[in-house]
Protein backbone atom coordinates (compact mmCIF):
# COMPACT_ATOMS: atom_id res chain seq x y z
CA MET A 1 16.70 -9.50 23.39
CA ARG A 2 13.02 -8.63 23.29
CA ARG A 3 13.81 -5.27 21.69
CA GLN A 4 15.90 -6.96 19.01
CA LEU A 5 13.09 -9.41 18.27
CA GLN A 6 10.64 -6.51 18.02
CA ARG A 7 12.96 -4.73 15.60
CA ILE A 8 13.29 -7.85 13.44
CA TYR A 9 9.54 -8.45 13.47
CA TRP A 10 8.77 -4.84 12.58
CA MET A 11 11.21 -5.09 9.69
CA ALA A 12 9.40 -8.22 8.52
CA ILE A 13 6.04 -6.45 8.82
CA GLY A 14 7.40 -3.43 6.92
CA ILE A 15 8.75 -5.61 4.13
CA THR A 16 5.44 -7.46 3.93
CA VAL A 17 3.43 -4.22 3.73
CA ILE A 18 5.81 -2.76 1.10
CA MET A 19 5.47 -5.93 -0.96
CA ALA A 20 1.68 -5.75 -0.66
CA LEU A 21 1.62 -2.08 -1.68
CA THR A 22 3.96 -2.85 -4.59
CA ALA A 23 1.65 -5.63 -5.71
CA VAL A 24 -1.34 -3.26 -5.52
CA GLY A 25 0.58 -0.60 -7.43
CA LEU A 26 1.53 -3.08 -10.17
CA LEU A 27 -2.07 -4.23 -10.38
CA VAL A 28 -3.30 -0.64 -10.74
CA TYR A 29 -0.61 0.12 -13.30
CA VAL A 30 -1.55 -2.92 -15.37
CA ARG A 31 -5.25 -2.03 -15.22
CA VAL A 32 -4.55 1.57 -16.27
CA GLN A 33 -2.33 0.40 -19.11
CA ASP A 34 -5.01 -2.02 -20.26
CA THR A 35 -7.58 0.76 -20.14
CA ARG A 36 -5.25 3.09 -22.08
CA GLU A 37 -4.69 0.47 -24.80
CA SER A 38 -8.41 -0.16 -25.03
CA MET A 39 -9.09 3.55 -25.38
CA ARG A 40 -6.47 3.85 -28.15
CA SER A 41 -8.11 0.97 -30.01
CA ILE A 42 -11.49 2.62 -29.65
CA LEU A 43 -10.02 5.94 -30.86
CA TYR A 44 -8.65 4.35 -34.04
CA THR A 45 -11.93 2.53 -34.71
CA ALA A 46 -14.07 5.58 -33.88
CA SER A 47 -11.95 7.78 -36.14
CA ALA A 48 -12.73 5.50 -39.06
CA TRP A 49 -16.45 5.56 -38.20
CA THR A 50 -16.43 9.33 -38.00
CA GLU A 51 -14.76 9.81 -41.36
CA GLU A 52 -17.27 7.47 -43.08
CA SER A 53 -20.40 8.34 -41.06
CA THR A 54 -22.97 10.82 -42.24
CA GLU A 55 -25.01 10.69 -39.04
CA ASP A 56 -25.07 13.57 -36.61
CA LEU A 57 -22.26 13.67 -34.06
CA HIS A 58 -24.57 13.27 -31.00
CA SER A 59 -25.82 9.91 -32.22
CA LEU A 60 -22.33 8.82 -33.16
CA ALA A 61 -21.01 9.78 -29.71
CA GLY A 62 -23.72 7.64 -28.10
CA ARG A 63 -22.96 4.67 -30.31
CA ILE A 64 -19.23 4.83 -29.58
CA ALA A 65 -19.83 5.20 -25.83
CA SER A 66 -22.19 2.22 -25.75
CA ALA A 67 -19.36 0.02 -26.97
CA ALA A 68 -17.46 0.28 -23.67
CA PRO A 69 -19.50 1.67 -20.74
CA PRO A 70 -18.79 3.86 -18.79
CA LEU A 71 -16.83 5.38 -21.66
CA ARG A 72 -17.66 9.02 -22.44
CA VAL A 73 -17.25 10.41 -25.99
CA THR A 74 -16.84 14.09 -26.86
CA PHE A 75 -16.40 15.91 -30.22
CA ILE A 76 -14.47 19.18 -29.92
CA LEU A 77 -13.77 21.90 -32.51
CA GLU A 78 -10.31 23.37 -33.12
CA GLN A 79 -11.31 26.44 -31.08
CA GLY A 80 -12.19 24.24 -28.05
CA LEU A 81 -15.98 24.32 -28.45
CA VAL A 82 -17.83 21.07 -27.70
CA LEU A 83 -19.98 19.94 -30.62
CA ALA A 84 -21.29 16.68 -29.10
CA ASP A 85 -21.00 14.66 -25.88
CA SER A 86 -22.42 11.27 -24.97
CA GLN A 87 -23.33 12.29 -21.41
CA ALA A 88 -23.16 16.06 -20.64
CA ASP A 89 -25.32 19.02 -21.66
CA LEU A 90 -23.41 21.14 -24.21
CA SER A 91 -24.66 24.41 -22.76
CA GLN A 92 -22.93 23.73 -19.45
CA MET A 93 -19.58 22.63 -20.87
CA GLU A 94 -16.53 24.86 -20.84
CA ASN A 95 -14.05 25.52 -23.60
CA HIS A 96 -11.67 22.55 -24.00
CA MET A 97 -8.97 24.16 -26.08
CA ASN A 98 -6.40 24.16 -23.24
CA ARG A 99 -7.08 20.65 -21.99
CA PRO A 100 -3.75 18.71 -21.91
CA GLU A 101 -4.95 15.88 -24.12
CA ILE A 102 -6.27 18.39 -26.77
CA VAL A 103 -3.05 20.36 -26.69
CA GLU A 104 -1.03 17.19 -27.20
CA ALA A 105 -3.33 15.88 -29.93
CA ARG A 106 -3.11 19.24 -31.78
CA SER A 107 0.62 18.61 -32.33
CA GLY A 108 -0.09 15.19 -33.83
CA GLY A 109 -0.80 11.67 -32.66
CA ILE A 110 -2.86 10.72 -29.61
CA GLY A 111 -2.93 13.04 -26.62
CA GLU A 112 -3.39 11.49 -23.15
CA ASP A 113 -3.87 12.68 -19.61
CA MET A 114 -5.11 11.34 -16.28
CA ARG A 115 -6.70 13.73 -13.76
CA ARG A 116 -9.72 14.27 -11.58
CA SER A 117 -12.78 15.22 -13.62
CA GLU A 118 -14.03 18.74 -12.88
CA THR A 119 -17.63 17.80 -13.58
CA GLU A 120 -17.83 14.37 -11.88
CA GLY A 121 -14.97 14.59 -9.35
CA ILE A 122 -13.63 11.14 -10.31
CA LEU A 123 -10.11 10.24 -11.39
CA THR A 124 -10.44 9.90 -15.18
CA LEU A 125 -8.23 8.79 -18.04
CA TYR A 126 -8.44 11.01 -21.15
CA ALA A 127 -7.35 10.31 -24.73
CA ALA A 128 -7.85 12.57 -27.79
CA VAL A 129 -7.03 12.50 -31.52
CA ARG A 130 -7.53 14.86 -34.44
CA ILE A 131 -10.01 13.29 -36.89
CA SER A 132 -10.18 16.25 -39.30
CA PRO A 133 -8.49 19.60 -39.73
CA ARG A 134 -11.13 21.28 -37.54
CA LEU A 135 -12.42 18.41 -35.27
CA PHE A 136 -11.08 16.36 -32.34
CA LEU A 137 -12.44 13.13 -30.87
CA ARG A 138 -11.89 12.75 -27.13
CA LEU A 139 -12.56 9.71 -24.99
CA SER A 140 -12.72 9.81 -21.19
CA TYR A 141 -12.89 6.74 -18.99
CA PRO A 142 -13.58 7.13 -15.24
CA LEU A 143 -11.23 4.99 -13.16
CA GLU A 144 -13.84 4.45 -10.47
CA GLU A 145 -13.51 0.68 -10.66
CA ILE A 146 -9.74 0.94 -10.30
CA MET A 147 -10.12 3.39 -7.41
CA SER A 148 -12.51 0.98 -5.70
CA LEU A 149 -9.95 -1.75 -6.20
CA VAL A 150 -7.27 0.51 -4.69
CA LYS A 151 -9.50 1.20 -1.67
CA VAL A 152 -10.20 -2.50 -1.19
CA CYS A 153 -6.51 -3.32 -1.47
CA ALA A 154 -5.61 -0.50 0.92
CA LEU A 155 -8.16 -1.84 3.38
CA GLY A 156 -6.69 -5.32 2.91
CA VAL A 157 -3.17 -4.02 3.55
CA GLY A 158 -4.44 -2.25 6.67
CA VAL A 159 -6.11 -5.44 7.92
CA LEU A 160 -2.94 -7.37 7.11
CA PHE A 161 -0.88 -4.87 9.07
CA LEU A 162 -3.20 -5.02 12.09
CA GLY A 163 -3.25 -8.83 11.90
CA LEU A 164 0.52 -9.04 11.76
CA TYR A 165 0.79 -6.55 14.60
CA GLY A 166 -1.60 -8.60 16.73
CA ILE A 167 0.28 -11.80 15.93
CA GLN A 168 3.54 -10.04 16.76
CA ARG A 169 2.21 -8.89 20.11
CA GLY A 170 0.81 -12.31 20.98
CA MET A 171 3.79 -14.35 19.81
CA LEU A 172 6.34 -11.98 21.31
CA ALA A 173 4.48 -11.94 24.63
CA ARG A 174 4.34 -15.74 24.64
CA PHE A 175 8.00 -15.95 23.65
CA ALA A 176 8.93 -13.49 26.39
CA ARG A 177 6.92 -15.43 29.01
CA ARG A 178 8.58 -18.70 28.08
CA MET A 179 12.04 -17.16 27.96
CA VAL A 180 11.52 -15.31 31.26
CA GLY A 181 10.20 -18.53 32.80
CA GLN A 182 13.35 -20.38 31.77
CA MET A 183 15.58 -17.57 33.03
CA GLU A 184 13.71 -17.43 36.35
CA ALA A 185 14.18 -21.20 36.74
CA VAL A 186 17.91 -20.75 36.17
CA GLY A 187 17.87 -17.89 38.70
CA ARG A 188 16.17 -20.14 41.27
CA LEU A 189 18.79 -22.79 40.64
CA LEU A 190 21.53 -20.22 41.18
CA ASP A 191 19.84 -19.23 44.44
CA GLY A 192 20.05 -22.82 45.60
CA GLU A 193 16.37 -23.68 45.22
CA ASN A 194 15.32 -27.09 44.01
CA ALA A 195 13.89 -25.81 40.72
CA ARG A 196 13.34 -27.63 37.43
CA LEU A 197 13.65 -26.02 34.00
CA GLU A 198 10.37 -25.90 32.09
CA GLU A 199 10.02 -28.70 29.57
CA GLU A 200 7.81 -26.55 27.31
CA GLY A 201 10.72 -24.16 26.71
CA PHE A 202 12.23 -23.61 23.29
CA GLU A 203 13.67 -26.75 21.76
CA GLU A 204 16.71 -24.81 20.46
CA PHE A 205 17.51 -23.51 23.95
CA ARG A 206 16.84 -26.75 25.79
CA PRO A 207 20.37 -28.29 25.45
CA ALA A 208 21.94 -25.06 26.69
CA MET A 209 19.42 -24.83 29.54
CA ARG A 210 20.07 -28.42 30.54
CA ALA A 211 23.80 -27.72 30.52
CA ILE A 212 23.18 -24.67 32.74
CA GLU A 213 21.00 -26.76 35.04
CA TYR A 214 23.68 -29.46 35.30
CA ARG A 215 26.45 -26.96 36.00
CA VAL A 216 24.35 -25.07 38.54
CA ARG A 217 23.48 -28.26 40.37
CA ARG A 218 27.13 -29.28 40.34
CA LEU A 219 28.04 -25.84 41.64
CA ASN A 220 25.45 -26.04 44.42
CA GLU A 221 26.65 -29.52 45.30
CA ASP A 222 30.24 -28.26 45.42
CA VAL A 223 29.15 -25.37 47.64
CA ARG A 224 27.39 -27.81 49.98
CA GLN A 225 30.49 -29.99 50.08
CA ILE A 226 32.65 -26.95 50.82
CA GLN A 227 30.28 -25.89 53.60
CA LYS A 228 30.30 -29.43 54.97
CA THR A 229 34.10 -29.54 54.80
CA GLN A 230 34.30 -26.17 56.52
CA SER A 231 31.97 -27.38 59.25
CA LEU A 232 34.01 -30.56 59.69
CA ARG A 233 37.21 -28.53 59.80
CA GLU A 234 35.83 -26.24 62.48
CA SER A 235 34.61 -29.25 64.45
CA PHE A 236 37.98 -30.94 63.98
CA VAL A 237 39.86 -27.87 65.24
CA THR A 238 37.55 -27.60 68.24
CA ASN A 239 37.91 -31.29 69.13
CA ALA A 240 41.67 -31.28 68.53
CA SER A 241 42.05 -28.24 70.76
CA HIS A 242 40.04 -29.98 73.46
CA GLU A 243 42.05 -33.21 73.14
CA LEU A 244 45.32 -31.29 73.49
CA LYS A 245 44.09 -28.88 76.14
CA SER A 246 42.87 -31.63 78.51
CA PRO A 247 46.28 -33.34 79.02
CA LEU A 248 48.02 -29.94 79.15
CA THR A 249 45.69 -28.91 81.96
CA SER A 250 46.44 -32.11 83.87
CA ILE A 251 50.21 -31.76 83.30
CA ARG A 252 50.13 -28.15 84.48
CA GLY A 253 48.09 -29.09 87.54
CA PHE A 254 50.42 -31.88 88.64
CA ALA A 255 53.50 -29.74 87.87
CA GLU A 256 52.15 -26.92 90.07
CA LEU A 257 51.52 -29.39 92.90
CA LEU A 258 55.10 -30.61 92.63
CA SER A 259 56.55 -27.08 92.42
CA GLU A 260 54.63 -26.01 95.53
CA GLY A 261 55.75 -29.08 97.48
CA MET A 262 52.23 -30.46 97.82
CA ASP A 263 53.48 -34.05 97.60
CA ASP A 264 53.40 -35.44 101.11
CA SER A 265 55.34 -38.62 100.37
CA PRO A 266 57.68 -40.13 97.78
CA GLU A 267 54.81 -42.40 96.69
CA GLU A 268 52.54 -39.41 96.00
CA ARG A 269 55.37 -37.65 94.14
CA ALA A 270 55.92 -40.75 92.01
CA MET A 271 52.16 -40.87 91.29
CA TYR A 272 52.17 -37.21 90.12
CA LEU A 273 55.14 -37.89 87.84
CA GLU A 274 53.46 -40.98 86.39
CA CYS A 275 50.31 -38.96 85.66
CA ILE A 276 52.40 -36.31 83.91
CA LEU A 277 54.11 -38.98 81.78
CA ASN A 278 50.77 -40.60 80.92
CA GLU A 279 49.29 -37.26 79.83
CA CYS A 280 52.38 -36.59 77.72
CA ASP A 281 51.90 -39.96 76.03
CA ARG A 282 48.25 -39.07 75.44
CA MET A 283 49.24 -35.77 73.82
CA ARG A 284 51.81 -37.53 71.66
CA ASP A 285 49.20 -40.08 70.50
CA VAL A 286 46.75 -37.30 69.56
CA ILE A 287 49.42 -35.40 67.63
CA GLU A 288 50.60 -38.51 65.82
CA ASP A 289 47.04 -39.46 64.88
CA ILE A 290 46.33 -35.93 63.61
CA LEU A 291 49.46 -36.07 61.46
CA MET A 292 48.54 -39.54 60.26
CA LEU A 293 45.03 -38.40 59.36
CA GLY A 294 46.51 -35.60 57.26
CA ARG A 295 48.86 -37.99 55.47
CA ALA A 296 46.11 -40.53 54.94
CA GLY A 297 44.06 -38.07 52.87
CA ALA A 298 47.00 -37.16 50.59
CA PRO A 299 47.48 -38.89 47.21
CA VAL A 300 49.80 -41.88 47.08
CA GLN A 301 53.35 -40.54 46.73
CA GLN A 302 55.39 -43.52 47.84
CA THR A 303 56.09 -46.45 45.56
CA VAL A 304 53.21 -48.91 45.41
CA GLN A 305 54.32 -52.50 45.55
CA PRO A 306 52.83 -55.92 46.24
CA VAL A 307 52.11 -56.35 49.96
CA GLU A 308 51.64 -59.71 51.67
CA VAL A 309 48.84 -58.65 54.00
CA ARG A 310 49.09 -61.76 56.23
CA ARG A 311 52.68 -60.93 57.15
CA THR A 312 51.69 -57.33 57.93
CA ALA A 313 48.78 -58.61 60.02
CA GLN A 314 51.14 -60.82 62.02
CA GLU A 315 53.31 -57.75 62.77
CA VAL A 316 50.19 -55.90 63.96
CA ALA A 317 49.18 -58.89 66.12
CA CYS A 318 52.63 -58.87 67.69
CA ALA A 319 52.40 -55.14 68.42
CA LEU A 320 48.97 -55.53 70.05
CA GLY A 321 49.67 -58.86 71.73
CA VAL A 322 50.36 -57.42 75.21
CA ARG A 323 47.14 -55.38 75.17
CA ALA A 324 45.13 -58.38 73.98
CA ARG A 325 46.57 -60.64 76.70
CA GLN A 326 45.79 -58.03 79.37
CA ARG A 327 42.12 -58.45 78.51
CA SER A 328 42.34 -62.19 77.78
CA ILE A 329 41.29 -61.60 74.17
CA ARG A 330 42.33 -64.16 71.57
CA LEU A 331 43.69 -62.48 68.42
CA GLU A 332 43.69 -64.72 65.34
CA ILE A 333 44.61 -64.27 61.65
CA GLN A 334 42.87 -66.30 58.94
CA GLY A 335 43.40 -66.44 55.16
CA GLU A 336 45.79 -64.86 52.68
CA LEU A 337 45.72 -61.61 50.67
CA ARG A 338 48.10 -59.76 48.41
CA VAL A 339 47.44 -56.16 47.33
CA GLU A 340 49.30 -53.35 45.58
CA ALA A 341 49.81 -50.60 48.17
CA VAL A 342 52.25 -48.90 50.50
CA GLU A 343 52.92 -51.41 53.27
CA LYS A 344 52.82 -48.77 56.03
CA ASP A 345 49.26 -47.80 54.95
CA ILE A 346 48.10 -51.43 55.20
CA TRP A 347 49.78 -51.66 58.61
CA GLU A 348 47.90 -48.53 59.79
CA ILE A 349 44.56 -49.91 58.55
CA LEU A 350 45.05 -53.25 60.31
CA TYR A 351 46.48 -51.70 63.48
CA ASN A 352 43.61 -49.20 63.96
CA LEU A 353 40.90 -51.77 63.22
CA ALA A 354 42.43 -54.41 65.51
CA ASP A 355 43.23 -51.87 68.25
CA ASN A 356 39.60 -50.68 68.14
CA ALA A 357 38.32 -54.27 68.32
CA ILE A 358 40.52 -55.03 71.37
CA ARG A 359 39.65 -51.74 73.05
CA TYR A 360 35.91 -52.38 72.84
CA GLY A 361 36.14 -56.18 72.91
CA ARG A 362 34.67 -58.50 75.49
CA GLU A 363 36.90 -59.73 78.36
CA GLY A 364 37.95 -63.26 77.44
CA GLY A 365 36.53 -62.81 73.90
CA TRP A 366 38.15 -62.95 70.48
CA VAL A 367 39.23 -60.74 67.57
CA HIS A 368 39.63 -62.27 64.09
CA ILE A 369 41.52 -60.73 61.17
CA ARG A 370 40.10 -62.45 58.08
CA LEU A 371 41.88 -62.11 54.74
CA GLU A 372 40.14 -63.05 51.47
CA PRO A 373 40.73 -62.08 47.83
CA GLY A 374 40.28 -58.30 47.73
CA LEU A 375 39.01 -58.17 51.31
CA ILE A 376 40.27 -57.36 54.81
CA ALA A 377 37.76 -58.03 57.59
CA VAL A 378 38.27 -57.45 61.31
CA GLU A 379 35.53 -58.79 63.56
CA ASP A 380 34.99 -59.27 67.27
CA ASN A 381 32.37 -60.48 69.76
CA GLY A 382 32.59 -57.36 71.89
CA ALA A 383 30.21 -54.59 72.92
CA GLY A 384 28.87 -53.84 69.44
CA LEU A 385 27.32 -50.57 68.32
CA ALA A 386 23.88 -49.02 68.40
CA PRO A 387 22.44 -48.29 64.88
CA GLU A 388 22.50 -44.52 65.48
CA HIS A 389 26.24 -44.59 66.18
CA ILE A 390 27.32 -46.35 62.96
CA PRO A 391 26.97 -43.31 60.61
CA LEU A 392 29.19 -41.26 62.98
CA LEU A 393 32.02 -43.76 63.38
CA PHE A 394 34.28 -42.14 60.79
CA GLU A 395 33.85 -38.58 62.05
CA PRO A 396 37.09 -37.27 63.65
CA PHE A 397 37.19 -37.53 67.47
CA PHE A 398 33.88 -39.41 67.65
CA ARG A 399 33.96 -42.00 70.44
CA VAL A 400 31.25 -44.28 71.77
CA GLU A 401 31.34 -43.82 75.51
CA GLY A 402 29.88 -46.47 77.80
CA ALA A 403 29.86 -49.06 75.03
CA GLY A 404 31.71 -51.62 77.10
CA GLY A 405 35.42 -52.37 77.04
CA ARG A 406 37.93 -49.84 78.29
CA GLY A 407 37.08 -46.99 75.87
CA GLY A 408 39.60 -44.21 75.57
CA GLY A 409 41.60 -43.59 72.41
CA THR A 410 41.79 -40.37 70.38
CA GLY A 411 38.74 -40.92 68.18
CA LEU A 412 40.94 -40.69 65.06
CA GLY A 413 41.62 -44.37 64.35
CA LEU A 414 38.56 -45.07 62.18
CA PRO A 415 38.79 -41.75 60.26
CA ILE A 416 42.40 -42.71 59.44
CA VAL A 417 41.20 -46.12 58.22
CA LYS A 418 38.60 -44.54 55.95
CA LYS A 419 41.05 -42.00 54.52
CA LEU A 420 43.61 -44.69 53.78
CA ALA A 421 40.96 -46.93 52.19
CA GLU A 422 39.77 -44.06 49.97
CA LYS A 423 43.36 -43.46 48.86
CA TYR A 424 43.25 -46.92 47.24
CA ARG A 425 39.62 -46.58 46.11
CA ALA A 426 38.61 -49.28 48.58
CA GLN A 427 35.16 -49.46 50.14
CA VAL A 428 34.59 -49.51 53.90
CA LYS A 429 31.63 -51.39 55.35
CA VAL A 430 30.49 -51.76 58.97
CA GLU A 431 28.16 -54.39 60.41
CA SER A 432 27.39 -54.35 64.13
CA ARG A 433 24.81 -55.40 66.67
CA LEU A 434 24.69 -53.96 70.14
CA GLY A 435 26.00 -56.52 72.62
CA GLU A 436 26.97 -59.03 69.89
CA GLY A 437 30.09 -57.56 68.27
CA SER A 438 31.16 -55.75 65.10
CA ARG A 439 32.64 -56.48 61.67
CA PHE A 440 34.66 -53.93 59.66
CA GLU A 441 35.37 -54.72 56.00
CA ILE A 442 37.85 -53.09 53.58
CA ARG A 443 37.19 -54.21 50.01
CA PHE A 444 39.89 -53.35 47.47
CA VAL A 445 39.24 -52.72 43.80
CA ARG A 446 42.70 -53.94 42.78
CA GLU A 447 44.64 -56.90 44.15
CA MET A 448 47.48 -59.12 43.05
């Protein structure tokens, strides 16, 4: 790009210099033409003087020359001999018979020529005319003034060229610095650095640069999200493997004891079998929650229909009633709510929130499911949560150990709740105080 700009600028400089030289040439041409016309006028006038004058030719040459200094006047015979000259010594002058202006004037009319004078070494304009059968009048006008003008103009063109060249170097260098600065800022953005594009950049490029900045930042954000997702996936696989490996290890251990006859009594054998069944149930719960978590993140494919949330909450309360009674926890439902959703998804949200509240609830305490327009809230007066645990609640397999209650679970209930809420563009909010209880809210954007 810089090379193209240089080429364009050099073309502009070349055109400018050519135009300047053309202007100088036209000026010189006009001045020469003016001088030639003046000399012709003087020739016609001087011819008339010569024909009527009786004075000697030396005096007449001086009078004619004084009319237009630095004009030089010369009288020349047919044979080329100089009879009179307003400036030079006749004894030192050569024969002029073969001078171009004399040769041309000999054939009739006015003869003209422009050449460097052999005596003075100055570019001179010559004009001659026959004034009698044996005599020629020649005028010579040194173009010293015009040559000085040409030199001044040439010097001006040279200064103009150098000035334009200096401007080109300075402007192009500044342009290059600004452009390179903008490109380097884009490069830093592409490298993931927190760079800002220079505000003093070119106004024409600024919209494109801002678009690049926006897209690069979006790209970097997407990359960070991908990396975060990859990290969560790896963590999920690790935790899932651990959750499945632990019951498998227990099942294998008890099975080996039974196969080797290590049970000393029917009671011990029954205990081993019960442990195997419990671990199988634990594995089944983990697998079902993993599958549910995967389905929860998928777009809604089933038919969405109006759901009476209170009725669904009553079904959840019935399903969890035995567990609540075992811990003497009072489970209550308050309010009404109707939303557009898949009923099974609402059931999963309520079940996981209520199950969590009972699991970590206080013995003899309470769990309330509150329904309001656009809102599902499940609250309890149980163990509560420390502030540092709240941001981690919706991470897969995260469990708060030693928080009171019976603990346990797969650590997938709350992630399932969040995924299902996001499916319906609902917002999840958690409020909790350690030792005082917790409140989980699901606020829907749409309701009936």
